């Protein structure tokens, strides 16, 4: 499915095109995109062997080490909320 840049389309049509692997960037207004969550940087020291294992795991799923750590922390915190 190829979306027309000249006509409006539904969210379902957008989703279908995205799921089919179509490049969606022409349909997005990236200049006005904003991050919804403020970010605060931290520094964490890990032993080299753990960083190597993190790097392998991250590469296996196609993300950066930082993204993998964020995903794992978010998942853990979400699980924590279920038990509170």
N, C-alpha and C. Protein backbone atom coordinates (compact mmCIF):
# COMPACT_ATOMS: atom_id res chain seq x y z
N UNK A 1 0.85 -1.18 0.00
CA UNK A 1 0.00 0.00 0.00
C UNK A 1 0.89 1.23 0.00
N UNK A 2 0.64 2.12 -0.90
CA UNK A 2 1.40 3.36 -0.95
C UNK A 2 0.46 4.52 -0.69
N UNK A 3 0.78 5.32 0.30
CA UNK A 3 -0.08 6.45 0.65
C UNK A 3 0.18 7.62 -0.28
N UNK A 4 -0.87 8.34 -0.60
CA UNK A 4 -0.74 9.53 -1.43
C UNK A 4 -0.35 10.72 -0.56
N UNK A 5 0.63 11.47 -1.01
CA UNK A 5 1.04 12.66 -0.25
C UNK A 5 0.07 13.81 -0.45
N UNK A 6 -0.84 13.67 -1.40
CA UNK A 6 -1.77 14.76 -1.72
C UNK A 6 -3.15 14.59 -1.11
N UNK A 7 -3.43 13.45 -0.48
CA UNK A 7 -4.74 13.27 0.13
C UNK A 7 -4.58 12.87 1.59
N UNK A 8 -5.63 13.12 2.35
CA UNK A 8 -5.61 12.71 3.74
C UNK A 8 -5.86 11.21 3.80
N UNK A 9 -5.35 10.58 4.85
CA UNK A 9 -5.55 9.16 5.03
C UNK A 9 -5.82 8.89 6.49
N UNK A 10 -6.39 7.74 6.76
CA UNK A 10 -6.77 7.39 8.12
C UNK A 10 -5.58 6.86 8.90
N UNK A 11 -5.74 6.81 10.20
CA UNK A 11 -4.71 6.23 11.05
C UNK A 11 -4.49 4.77 10.71
N UNK A 12 -5.58 4.08 10.36
CA UNK A 12 -5.46 2.67 9.99
C UNK A 12 -4.63 2.51 8.72
N UNK A 13 -4.84 3.40 7.73
CA UNK A 13 -4.06 3.35 6.49
C UNK A 13 -2.58 3.63 6.79
N UNK A 14 -2.33 4.59 7.66
CA UNK A 14 -0.97 4.92 8.07
C UNK A 14 -0.32 3.70 8.72
N UNK A 15 -1.04 3.08 9.67
CA UNK A 15 -0.51 1.91 10.37
C UNK A 15 -0.21 0.77 9.41
N UNK A 16 -1.12 0.53 8.47
CA UNK A 16 -0.93 -0.54 7.50
C UNK A 16 0.32 -0.30 6.66
N UNK A 17 0.50 0.93 6.20
CA UNK A 17 1.67 1.27 5.39
C UNK A 17 2.95 1.11 6.22
N UNK A 18 2.91 1.55 7.48
CA UNK A 18 4.07 1.42 8.37
C UNK A 18 4.42 -0.05 8.57
N UNK A 19 3.41 -0.85 8.88
CA UNK A 19 3.63 -2.28 9.14
C UNK A 19 4.11 -3.01 7.88
N UNK A 20 3.79 -2.47 6.70
CA UNK A 20 4.26 -3.07 5.45
C UNK A 20 5.69 -2.66 5.13
N UNK A 21 6.27 -1.80 5.98
CA UNK A 21 7.66 -1.41 5.79
C UNK A 21 7.86 -0.15 4.95
N UNK A 22 6.78 0.56 4.66
CA UNK A 22 6.89 1.78 3.86
C UNK A 22 7.61 2.87 4.67
N UNK A 23 8.42 3.68 4.01
CA UNK A 23 9.10 4.81 4.66
C UNK A 23 8.06 5.86 5.01
N UNK A 24 7.88 6.12 6.29
CA UNK A 24 6.82 7.02 6.74
C UNK A 24 7.31 8.45 6.95
N UNK A 25 8.61 8.68 6.85
CA UNK A 25 9.14 10.02 7.13
C UNK A 25 8.55 11.12 6.25
N UNK A 26 8.18 10.88 4.98
CA UNK A 26 7.58 11.98 4.22
C UNK A 26 6.23 12.45 4.78
N UNK A 27 5.60 11.63 5.59
CA UNK A 27 4.29 11.97 6.14
C UNK A 27 4.37 12.58 7.53
N UNK A 28 5.58 12.71 8.07
CA UNK A 28 5.76 13.23 9.42
C UNK A 28 6.33 14.64 9.39
N UNK A 29 5.88 15.47 10.30
CA UNK A 29 6.41 16.81 10.46
C UNK A 29 7.49 16.77 11.54
N UNK A 30 8.70 16.43 11.14
CA UNK A 30 9.78 16.24 12.10
C UNK A 30 10.29 17.55 12.69
N UNK A 31 10.01 18.67 12.03
CA UNK A 31 10.46 19.96 12.56
C UNK A 31 9.70 20.34 13.82
N UNK A 32 8.48 19.88 13.94
CA UNK A 32 7.69 20.24 15.12
C UNK A 32 7.63 19.11 16.15
N UNK A 33 8.34 18.01 15.89
CA UNK A 33 8.35 16.89 16.83
C UNK A 33 9.05 17.29 18.12
N UNK A 34 8.47 16.88 19.22
CA UNK A 34 9.04 17.21 20.52
C UNK A 34 9.10 15.97 21.39
N UNK A 35 10.10 15.94 22.25
CA UNK A 35 10.21 14.85 23.20
C UNK A 35 9.20 15.12 24.32
N UNK A 36 8.47 14.11 24.68
CA UNK A 36 7.44 14.29 25.69
C UNK A 36 7.95 14.14 27.11
N UNK A 37 9.10 13.53 27.27
CA UNK A 37 9.64 13.30 28.61
C UNK A 37 10.98 14.01 28.73
N UNK A 38 11.13 14.85 29.74
CA UNK A 38 12.44 15.48 29.93
C UNK A 38 13.49 14.41 30.23
N UNK A 39 14.69 14.65 29.76
CA UNK A 39 15.77 13.68 29.92
C UNK A 39 16.80 14.25 30.87
N UNK A 40 17.30 13.42 31.74
CA UNK A 40 18.39 13.79 32.64
C UNK A 40 19.50 12.77 32.45
N UNK A 41 20.69 13.23 32.17
CA UNK A 41 21.82 12.33 31.94
C UNK A 41 22.41 11.87 33.26
N UNK A 42 22.82 10.61 33.26
CA UNK A 42 23.54 10.04 34.39
C UNK A 42 24.74 9.28 33.86
N UNK A 43 25.65 8.97 34.72
CA UNK A 43 26.80 8.16 34.35
C UNK A 43 26.81 6.92 35.23
N UNK A 44 26.95 5.77 34.61
CA UNK A 44 27.02 4.51 35.34
C UNK A 44 28.28 3.79 34.90
N UNK A 45 29.04 3.33 35.86
CA UNK A 45 30.25 2.55 35.56
C UNK A 45 29.91 1.07 35.61
N UNK A 46 30.27 0.33 34.54
CA UNK A 46 30.08 -1.11 34.48
C UNK A 46 31.43 -1.78 34.28
N UNK A 47 31.62 -2.96 34.82
CA UNK A 47 32.83 -3.73 34.50
C UNK A 47 32.87 -4.04 33.01
N UNK A 48 34.06 -4.17 32.46
CA UNK A 48 34.24 -4.40 31.02
C UNK A 48 33.53 -5.64 30.53
N UNK A 49 33.54 -6.71 31.32
CA UNK A 49 32.89 -7.94 30.86
C UNK A 49 31.37 -7.76 30.75
N UNK A 50 30.79 -6.99 31.64
CA UNK A 50 29.35 -6.74 31.54
C UNK A 50 29.05 -5.87 30.33
N UNK A 51 29.87 -4.86 30.07
CA UNK A 51 29.68 -4.02 28.88
C UNK A 51 29.77 -4.85 27.60
N UNK A 52 30.70 -5.79 27.57
CA UNK A 52 30.84 -6.65 26.39
C UNK A 52 29.59 -7.49 26.20
N UNK A 53 29.07 -8.06 27.28
CA UNK A 53 27.86 -8.87 27.19
C UNK A 53 26.65 -8.01 26.81
N UNK A 54 26.57 -6.81 27.37
CA UNK A 54 25.50 -5.88 26.99
C UNK A 54 25.58 -5.56 25.51
N UNK A 55 26.78 -5.31 25.02
CA UNK A 55 26.97 -4.98 23.60
C UNK A 55 26.52 -6.11 22.70
N UNK A 56 26.85 -7.34 23.06
CA UNK A 56 26.43 -8.50 22.25
C UNK A 56 24.91 -8.65 22.25
N UNK A 57 24.31 -8.52 23.42
CA UNK A 57 22.85 -8.65 23.52
C UNK A 57 22.17 -7.54 22.74
N UNK A 58 22.66 -6.30 22.88
CA UNK A 58 22.07 -5.17 22.16
C UNK A 58 22.19 -5.36 20.65
N UNK A 59 23.35 -5.80 20.18
CA UNK A 59 23.55 -6.04 18.75
C UNK A 59 22.62 -7.14 18.24
N UNK A 60 22.39 -8.14 19.06
CA UNK A 60 21.54 -9.25 18.65
C UNK A 60 20.10 -8.81 18.40
N UNK A 61 19.65 -7.79 19.14
CA UNK A 61 18.28 -7.33 18.93
C UNK A 61 18.22 -6.01 18.15
N UNK A 62 19.39 -5.50 17.77
CA UNK A 62 19.44 -4.33 16.89
C UNK A 62 19.23 -2.99 17.56
N UNK A 63 19.71 -2.86 18.80
CA UNK A 63 19.62 -1.58 19.50
C UNK A 63 20.99 -1.25 20.09
N UNK A 64 21.13 -0.05 20.62
CA UNK A 64 22.38 0.33 21.29
C UNK A 64 22.37 -0.21 22.72
N UNK A 65 23.54 -0.24 23.33
CA UNK A 65 23.62 -0.65 24.74
C UNK A 65 22.76 0.24 25.60
N UNK A 66 22.83 1.54 25.34
CA UNK A 66 22.04 2.50 26.12
C UNK A 66 20.55 2.20 26.00
N UNK A 67 20.09 1.95 24.79
CA UNK A 67 18.67 1.64 24.58
C UNK A 67 18.28 0.35 25.30
N UNK A 68 19.16 -0.64 25.24
CA UNK A 68 18.87 -1.90 25.92
C UNK A 68 18.73 -1.69 27.42
N UNK A 69 19.63 -0.93 28.01
CA UNK A 69 19.56 -0.65 29.45
C UNK A 69 18.26 0.09 29.77
N UNK A 70 17.91 1.09 28.96
CA UNK A 70 16.66 1.83 29.19
C UNK A 70 15.45 0.90 29.11
N UNK A 71 15.45 0.01 28.11
CA UNK A 71 14.33 -0.92 27.96
C UNK A 71 14.22 -1.83 29.18
N UNK A 72 15.35 -2.36 29.63
CA UNK A 72 15.31 -3.27 30.77
C UNK A 72 14.87 -2.57 32.04
N UNK A 73 15.35 -1.35 32.26
CA UNK A 73 14.93 -0.61 33.45
C UNK A 73 13.43 -0.30 33.37
N UNK A 74 12.96 0.16 32.21
CA UNK A 74 11.54 0.47 32.05
C UNK A 74 10.68 -0.77 32.27
N UNK A 75 11.10 -1.92 31.73
CA UNK A 75 10.35 -3.17 31.92
C UNK A 75 10.31 -3.56 33.40
N UNK A 76 11.44 -3.43 34.06
CA UNK A 76 11.51 -3.79 35.47
C UNK A 76 10.60 -2.87 36.29
N UNK A 77 10.63 -1.59 36.01
CA UNK A 77 9.78 -0.65 36.75
C UNK A 77 8.31 -0.88 36.45
N UNK A 78 7.98 -1.23 35.20
CA UNK A 78 6.58 -1.54 34.86
C UNK A 78 6.11 -2.78 35.61
N UNK A 79 6.98 -3.79 35.70
CA UNK A 79 6.63 -4.99 36.47
C UNK A 79 6.46 -4.65 37.93
N UNK A 80 7.30 -3.75 38.44
CA UNK A 80 7.22 -3.31 39.83
C UNK A 80 5.87 -2.65 40.12
N UNK A 81 5.38 -1.84 39.18
CA UNK A 81 4.11 -1.14 39.38
C UNK A 81 2.95 -2.12 39.49
N UNK A 82 3.07 -3.26 38.80
CA UNK A 82 1.99 -4.25 38.82
C UNK A 82 1.84 -4.88 40.20
N UNK A 83 2.95 -4.92 40.95
CA UNK A 83 2.92 -5.58 42.25
C UNK A 83 2.70 -4.61 43.40
N UNK A 84 2.65 -3.33 43.11
CA UNK A 84 2.47 -2.32 44.18
C UNK A 84 1.02 -2.14 44.48
